[in-house]
Amino acid sequence: MVRSIYWLLAVIAVLVMVYVWMLLDTNPVIDYVLSVMDGSLDDRDFVGWQQYTASHYSEAVYWDISISREFVVHNFSDGVMWVKYSRQSYKQNGDPSGPGSGKIYSKWTIHKENGSWKIVDIDEHP
């Protein structure tokens, strides 16, 4: 009985470690999207460029952006990330420069190519 508990705990520990590895492996995806959203990266080949780009708000000098991964599942080649993001842009005087987005849930289909993750599809409610 005690042995089976140890085996169960070992299996759970391995599953948790694999999931943490999966999460950490997708950190560059979050960094990439943050760079697109705050305007520091202009990648028009990005599937979400039109909806995530900061260029729509020319008066914006500061962006308040947050992205959290809600769930990730992948096989280190293809997968899906469910994220929640919020963003608001501000003018020089501190006033909002446009409408913000709050707590938007999004599903990103990802694919790893040449060692780098790419978002190949974005699904979220308009």
N, C-alpha and C. Protein backbone atom coordinates (compact mmCIF):
# COMPACT_ATOMS: atom_id res chain seq x y z
N MET A 1 0.82 -1.19 0.00
CA MET A 1 0.00 0.00 0.00
C MET A 1 0.87 1.26 0.00
N VAL A 2 1.89 1.29 0.87
CA VAL A 2 2.76 2.46 0.95
C VAL A 2 3.54 2.63 -0.34
N ARG A 3 3.97 1.49 -0.93
CA ARG A 3 4.70 1.55 -2.20
C ARG A 3 3.87 2.16 -3.31
N SER A 4 2.60 1.82 -3.37
CA SER A 4 1.74 2.35 -4.42
C SER A 4 1.53 3.86 -4.26
N ILE A 5 1.50 4.35 -3.03
CA ILE A 5 1.39 5.79 -2.80
C ILE A 5 2.64 6.50 -3.31
N TYR A 6 3.81 5.90 -3.05
CA TYR A 6 5.06 6.50 -3.53
C TYR A 6 5.10 6.53 -5.06
N TRP A 7 4.63 5.46 -5.68
CA TRP A 7 4.59 5.43 -7.14
C TRP A 7 3.63 6.48 -7.68
N LEU A 8 2.50 6.62 -7.06
CA LEU A 8 1.53 7.62 -7.48
C LEU A 8 2.11 9.03 -7.34
N LEU A 9 2.76 9.29 -6.21
CA LEU A 9 3.39 10.60 -6.01
C LEU A 9 4.50 10.85 -7.03
N ALA A 10 5.25 9.81 -7.36
CA ALA A 10 6.31 9.96 -8.35
C ALA A 10 5.74 10.28 -9.73
N VAL A 11 4.67 9.60 -10.10
CA VAL A 11 4.02 9.86 -11.39
C VAL A 11 3.47 11.29 -11.43
N ILE A 12 2.82 11.71 -10.36
CA ILE A 12 2.29 13.08 -10.30
C ILE A 12 3.42 14.10 -10.40
N ALA A 13 4.53 13.86 -9.71
CA ALA A 13 5.67 14.77 -9.77
C ALA A 13 6.24 14.87 -11.18
N VAL A 14 6.32 13.75 -11.88
CA VAL A 14 6.82 13.76 -13.26
C VAL A 14 5.87 14.53 -14.16
N LEU A 15 4.58 14.32 -14.01
CA LEU A 15 3.59 15.04 -14.82
C LEU A 15 3.67 16.55 -14.58
N VAL A 16 3.82 16.95 -13.33
CA VAL A 16 3.95 18.37 -13.01
C VAL A 16 5.22 18.94 -13.64
N MET A 17 6.32 18.21 -13.56
CA MET A 17 7.57 18.69 -14.15
C MET A 17 7.46 18.83 -15.68
N VAL A 18 6.80 17.89 -16.33
CA VAL A 18 6.61 17.98 -17.78
C VAL A 18 5.75 19.18 -18.12
N TYR A 19 4.70 19.41 -17.35
CA TYR A 19 3.83 20.55 -17.62
C TYR A 19 4.58 21.87 -17.42
N VAL A 20 5.37 21.97 -16.38
CA VAL A 20 6.16 23.18 -16.15
C VAL A 20 7.14 23.38 -17.30
N TRP A 21 7.74 22.31 -17.79
CA TRP A 21 8.63 22.38 -18.93
C TRP A 21 7.88 22.89 -20.16
N MET A 22 6.66 22.41 -20.37
CA MET A 22 5.84 22.87 -21.49
C MET A 22 5.55 24.36 -21.36
N LEU A 23 5.23 24.82 -20.16
CA LEU A 23 4.97 26.24 -19.95
C LEU A 23 6.21 27.07 -20.25
N LEU A 24 7.34 26.68 -19.67
CA LEU A 24 8.57 27.44 -19.86
C LEU A 24 9.01 27.45 -21.32
N ASP A 25 8.74 26.38 -22.03
CA ASP A 25 9.12 26.29 -23.44
C ASP A 25 8.38 27.32 -24.29
N THR A 26 7.22 27.79 -23.83
CA THR A 26 6.43 28.75 -24.60
C THR A 26 6.65 30.20 -24.15
N ASN A 27 7.58 30.45 -23.24
CA ASN A 27 7.88 31.83 -22.83
C ASN A 27 8.18 32.75 -24.01
N PRO A 28 8.96 32.29 -25.02
CA PRO A 28 9.24 33.19 -26.15
C PRO A 28 7.98 33.63 -26.91
N VAL A 29 6.94 32.83 -26.91
CA VAL A 29 5.70 33.21 -27.58
C VAL A 29 5.09 34.42 -26.88
N ILE A 30 5.06 34.39 -25.56
CA ILE A 30 4.51 35.51 -24.79
C ILE A 30 5.36 36.76 -25.02
N ASP A 31 6.68 36.63 -24.96
CA ASP A 31 7.57 37.77 -25.18
C ASP A 31 7.37 38.36 -26.57
N TYR A 32 7.21 37.51 -27.56
CA TYR A 32 6.99 37.95 -28.94
C TYR A 32 5.70 38.77 -29.07
N VAL A 33 4.62 38.25 -28.52
CA VAL A 33 3.33 38.94 -28.63
C VAL A 33 3.37 40.26 -27.85
N LEU A 34 4.02 40.27 -26.70
CA LEU A 34 4.17 41.53 -25.95
C LEU A 34 4.91 42.57 -26.79
N SER A 35 5.95 42.14 -27.50
CA SER A 35 6.71 43.06 -28.35
C SER A 35 5.86 43.61 -29.49
N VAL A 36 5.00 42.78 -30.06
CA VAL A 36 4.10 43.25 -31.11
C VAL A 36 3.08 44.22 -30.52
N MET A 37 2.52 43.88 -29.36
CA MET A 37 1.48 44.71 -28.76
C MET A 37 1.99 46.09 -28.33
N ASP A 38 3.23 46.15 -27.84
CA ASP A 38 3.72 47.45 -27.38
C ASP A 38 4.41 48.25 -28.48
N GLY A 39 4.46 47.70 -29.69
CA GLY A 39 4.99 48.43 -30.83
C GLY A 39 6.49 48.33 -31.01
N SER A 40 7.19 47.59 -30.17
CA SER A 40 8.64 47.47 -30.31
C SER A 40 9.03 46.48 -31.41
N LEU A 41 8.08 45.71 -31.93
CA LEU A 41 8.34 44.77 -33.02
C LEU A 41 7.24 44.93 -34.06
N ASP A 42 7.63 45.19 -35.30
CA ASP A 42 6.68 45.35 -36.39
C ASP A 42 6.86 44.18 -37.34
N ASP A 43 6.15 43.09 -37.08
CA ASP A 43 6.26 41.87 -37.88
C ASP A 43 4.92 41.65 -38.59
N ARG A 44 4.84 42.12 -39.81
CA ARG A 44 3.58 42.02 -40.55
C ARG A 44 3.27 40.61 -41.03
N ASP A 45 4.22 39.70 -40.88
CA ASP A 45 3.97 38.29 -41.21
C ASP A 45 3.27 37.57 -40.06
N PHE A 46 3.24 38.19 -38.90
CA PHE A 46 2.58 37.60 -37.73
C PHE A 46 1.08 37.53 -37.97
N VAL A 47 0.51 36.36 -37.74
CA VAL A 47 -0.91 36.12 -38.02
C VAL A 47 -1.83 37.08 -37.25
N GLY A 48 -1.40 37.56 -36.10
CA GLY A 48 -2.22 38.47 -35.31
C GLY A 48 -1.80 39.92 -35.39
N TRP A 49 -0.99 40.27 -36.39
CA TRP A 49 -0.46 41.62 -36.47
C TRP A 49 -1.58 42.65 -36.50
N GLN A 50 -2.58 42.44 -37.33
CA GLN A 50 -3.64 43.43 -37.49
C GLN A 50 -4.39 43.70 -36.18
N GLN A 51 -4.65 42.67 -35.40
CA GLN A 51 -5.43 42.88 -34.18
C GLN A 51 -4.58 43.20 -32.96
N TYR A 52 -3.30 42.84 -32.97
CA TYR A 52 -2.47 43.04 -31.79
C TYR A 52 -1.49 44.21 -31.90
N THR A 53 -1.34 44.76 -33.10
CA THR A 53 -0.32 45.78 -33.29
C THR A 53 -0.64 47.08 -32.56
N ALA A 54 0.42 47.75 -32.15
CA ALA A 54 0.28 49.02 -31.45
C ALA A 54 0.20 50.19 -32.42
N SER A 55 0.43 49.96 -33.69
CA SER A 55 0.49 51.06 -34.65
C SER A 55 -0.86 51.75 -34.87
N HIS A 56 -1.94 51.17 -34.41
CA HIS A 56 -3.25 51.78 -34.56
C HIS A 56 -3.39 53.06 -33.74
N TYR A 57 -2.57 53.21 -32.72
CA TYR A 57 -2.69 54.33 -31.81
C TYR A 57 -1.42 55.17 -31.87
N SER A 58 -1.39 56.11 -32.83
CA SER A 58 -0.18 56.88 -33.06
C SER A 58 0.15 57.82 -31.91
N GLU A 59 -0.84 58.20 -31.11
CA GLU A 59 -0.59 59.11 -29.99
C GLU A 59 -0.06 58.38 -28.76
N ALA A 60 -0.07 57.09 -28.77
CA ALA A 60 0.33 56.32 -27.59
C ALA A 60 1.83 56.43 -27.34
N VAL A 61 2.17 56.71 -26.10
CA VAL A 61 3.59 56.74 -25.70
C VAL A 61 3.88 55.67 -24.65
N TYR A 62 2.83 55.12 -24.07
CA TYR A 62 3.00 54.11 -23.03
C TYR A 62 1.88 53.09 -23.17
N TRP A 63 2.24 51.82 -22.98
CA TRP A 63 1.27 50.74 -23.04
C TRP A 63 1.28 49.98 -21.72
N ASP A 64 0.11 49.70 -21.21
CA ASP A 64 -0.03 48.83 -20.05
C ASP A 64 -0.60 47.51 -20.58
N ILE A 65 0.24 46.49 -20.64
CA ILE A 65 -0.14 45.22 -21.27
C ILE A 65 0.14 44.08 -20.30
N SER A 66 -0.81 43.17 -20.22
CA SER A 66 -0.57 41.95 -19.43
C SER A 66 -1.10 40.75 -20.22
N ILE A 67 -0.32 39.68 -20.19
CA ILE A 67 -0.73 38.42 -20.82
C ILE A 67 -0.47 37.31 -19.82
N SER A 68 -1.47 36.49 -19.60
CA SER A 68 -1.26 35.32 -18.73
C SER A 68 -1.68 34.06 -19.48
N ARG A 69 -0.88 33.04 -19.34
CA ARG A 69 -1.23 31.74 -19.92
C ARG A 69 -2.22 31.07 -18.99
N GLU A 70 -3.35 30.71 -19.52
CA GLU A 70 -4.35 30.01 -18.73
C GLU A 70 -4.10 28.50 -18.78
N PHE A 71 -3.71 28.02 -19.96
CA PHE A 71 -3.44 26.59 -20.13
C PHE A 71 -2.62 26.41 -21.40
N VAL A 72 -1.70 25.48 -21.36
CA VAL A 72 -0.86 25.17 -22.52
C VAL A 72 -0.79 23.66 -22.67
N VAL A 73 -0.92 23.20 -23.90
CA VAL A 73 -0.69 21.79 -24.18
C VAL A 73 -0.03 21.71 -25.55
N HIS A 74 1.10 21.01 -25.60
CA HIS A 74 1.79 20.82 -26.87
C HIS A 74 2.68 19.59 -26.79
N ASN A 75 3.13 19.16 -27.96
CA ASN A 75 4.01 18.00 -28.03
C ASN A 75 5.43 18.41 -28.43
N PHE A 76 5.79 19.66 -28.15
CA PHE A 76 7.09 20.26 -28.48
C PHE A 76 7.27 20.44 -29.97
N SER A 77 6.18 20.32 -30.72
CA SER A 77 6.17 20.59 -32.15
C SER A 77 4.91 21.38 -32.54
N ASP A 78 3.77 20.95 -32.04
CA ASP A 78 2.49 21.61 -32.30
C ASP A 78 1.70 21.65 -31.00
N GLY A 79 0.85 22.66 -30.87
CA GLY A 79 0.06 22.73 -29.66
C GLY A 79 -0.88 23.90 -29.64
N VAL A 80 -1.43 24.14 -28.46
CA VAL A 80 -2.42 25.19 -28.25
C VAL A 80 -2.11 25.89 -26.94
N MET A 81 -2.25 27.21 -26.95
CA MET A 81 -2.13 28.01 -25.73
C MET A 81 -3.44 28.77 -25.55
N TRP A 82 -3.99 28.72 -24.36
CA TRP A 82 -5.12 29.55 -24.01
C TRP A 82 -4.56 30.66 -23.13
N VAL A 83 -4.80 31.90 -23.53
CA VAL A 83 -4.25 33.04 -22.81
C VAL A 83 -5.35 34.03 -22.48
N LYS A 84 -5.04 34.92 -21.55
CA LYS A 84 -5.92 36.04 -21.22
C LYS A 84 -5.03 37.28 -21.27
N TYR A 85 -5.49 38.30 -22.00
CA TYR A 85 -4.68 39.51 -22.08
C TYR A 85 -5.52 40.76 -21.88
N SER A 86 -4.85 41.80 -21.45
CA SER A 86 -5.44 43.13 -21.30
C SER A 86 -4.42 44.14 -21.79
N ARG A 87 -4.90 45.23 -22.36
CA ARG A 87 -3.98 46.30 -22.76
C ARG A 87 -4.71 47.63 -22.81
N GLN A 88 -3.95 48.66 -22.52
CA GLN A 88 -4.46 50.03 -22.59
C GLN A 88 -3.29 50.91 -23.00
N SER A 89 -3.54 51.83 -23.92
CA SER A 89 -2.51 52.77 -24.35
C SER A 89 -2.78 54.13 -23.71
N TYR A 90 -1.69 54.88 -23.50
CA TYR A 90 -1.79 56.19 -22.86
C TYR A 90 -1.03 57.24 -23.66
N LYS A 91 -1.55 58.47 -23.64
CA LYS A 91 -0.89 59.61 -24.26
C LYS A 91 0.19 60.15 -23.32
N GLN A 92 0.92 61.13 -23.83
CA GLN A 92 1.97 61.76 -23.04
C GLN A 92 1.43 62.34 -21.73
N ASN A 93 0.22 62.89 -21.76
CA ASN A 93 -0.36 63.51 -20.56
C ASN A 93 -1.00 62.50 -19.61
N GLY A 94 -0.96 61.22 -19.94
CA GLY A 94 -1.49 60.18 -19.07
C GLY A 94 -2.92 59.76 -19.37
N ASP A 95 -3.57 60.44 -20.30
CA ASP A 95 -4.93 60.06 -20.69
C ASP A 95 -4.88 58.85 -21.62
N PRO A 96 -5.91 58.02 -21.58
CA PRO A 96 -5.95 56.90 -22.53
C PRO A 96 -5.97 57.42 -23.97
N SER A 97 -5.23 56.77 -24.86
CA SER A 97 -5.16 57.23 -26.25
C SER A 97 -6.13 56.48 -27.15
N GLY A 98 -6.85 55.54 -26.62
CA GLY A 98 -7.81 54.79 -27.41
C GLY A 98 -8.50 53.78 -26.53
N PRO A 99 -9.41 53.04 -27.12
CA PRO A 99 -10.09 52.02 -26.31
C PRO A 99 -9.13 50.91 -25.91
N GLY A 100 -9.28 50.44 -24.73
CA GLY A 100 -8.43 49.34 -24.25
C GLY A 100 -9.15 48.02 -24.40
N SER A 101 -8.44 46.98 -24.11
CA SER A 101 -9.00 45.63 -24.11
C SER A 101 -8.77 45.03 -22.74
N GLY A 102 -9.82 44.53 -22.13
CA GLY A 102 -9.68 44.00 -20.79
C GLY A 102 -10.11 42.54 -20.70
N LYS A 103 -9.22 41.73 -20.19
CA LYS A 103 -9.50 40.31 -19.94
C LYS A 103 -10.08 39.61 -21.16
N ILE A 104 -9.34 39.68 -22.25
CA ILE A 104 -9.73 39.01 -23.48
C ILE A 104 -9.16 37.59 -23.46
N TYR A 105 -10.02 36.61 -23.61
CA TYR A 105 -9.58 35.22 -23.67
C TYR A 105 -9.32 34.84 -25.12
N SER A 106 -8.20 34.20 -25.36
CA SER A 106 -7.79 33.88 -26.71
C SER A 106 -7.16 32.49 -26.76
N LYS A 107 -7.37 31.81 -27.87
CA LYS A 107 -6.76 30.50 -28.10
C LYS A 107 -5.77 30.65 -29.24
N TRP A 108 -4.50 30.36 -28.95
CA TRP A 108 -3.44 30.45 -29.95
C TRP A 108 -3.00 29.05 -30.34
N THR A 109 -3.08 28.73 -31.62
CA THR A 109 -2.54 27.48 -32.12
C THR A 109 -1.08 27.76 -32.48
N ILE A 110 -0.17 26.94 -31.95
CA ILE A 110 1.25 27.19 -32.12
C ILE A 110 1.93 26.03 -32.84
N HIS A 111 3.03 26.37 -33.51
CA HIS A 111 3.82 25.38 -34.24
C HIS A 111 5.29 25.76 -34.07
N LYS A 112 6.11 24.77 -33.81
CA LYS A 112 7.55 25.01 -33.65
C LYS A 112 8.25 24.72 -34.97
N GLU A 113 8.96 25.74 -35.46
CA GLU A 113 9.65 25.62 -36.73
C GLU A 113 11.07 26.13 -36.56
N ASN A 114 12.06 25.31 -36.91
CA ASN A 114 13.47 25.68 -36.76
C ASN A 114 13.80 26.09 -35.33
N GLY A 115 13.20 25.44 -34.37
CA GLY A 115 13.49 25.70 -32.96
C GLY A 115 12.74 26.87 -32.36
N SER A 116 11.89 27.53 -33.12
CA SER A 116 11.15 28.69 -32.62
C SER A 116 9.65 28.47 -32.76
N TRP A 117 8.92 28.85 -31.72
CA TRP A 117 7.47 28.76 -31.77
C TRP A 117 6.91 29.89 -32.62
N LYS A 118 5.86 29.59 -33.37
CA LYS A 118 5.12 30.58 -34.14
C LYS A 118 3.64 30.37 -33.86
N ILE A 119 2.91 31.46 -33.78
CA ILE A 119 1.46 31.37 -33.67
C ILE A 119 0.93 31.25 -35.10
N VAL A 120 0.19 30.18 -35.37
CA VAL A 120 -0.32 29.96 -36.72
C VAL A 120 -1.81 30.26 -36.84
N ASP A 121 -2.49 30.39 -35.70
CA ASP A 121 -3.92 30.73 -35.74
C ASP A 121 -4.32 31.33 -34.40
N ILE A 122 -5.21 32.30 -34.45
CA ILE A 122 -5.73 32.94 -33.25
C ILE A 122 -7.24 32.85 -33.30
N ASP A 123 -7.82 32.39 -32.21
CA ASP A 123 -9.27 32.27 -32.13
C ASP A 123 -9.73 32.98 -30.85
N GLU A 124 -10.48 34.06 -31.06
CA GLU A 124 -11.07 34.75 -29.91
C GLU A 124 -12.33 35.44 -30.37
N HIS A 125 -13.18 35.74 -29.44
CA HIS A 125 -14.42 36.42 -29.78
C HIS A 125 -14.12 37.86 -30.13
N PRO A 126 -14.81 38.40 -31.10
CA PRO A 126 -14.56 39.80 -31.51
C PRO A 126 -14.95 40.80 -30.44
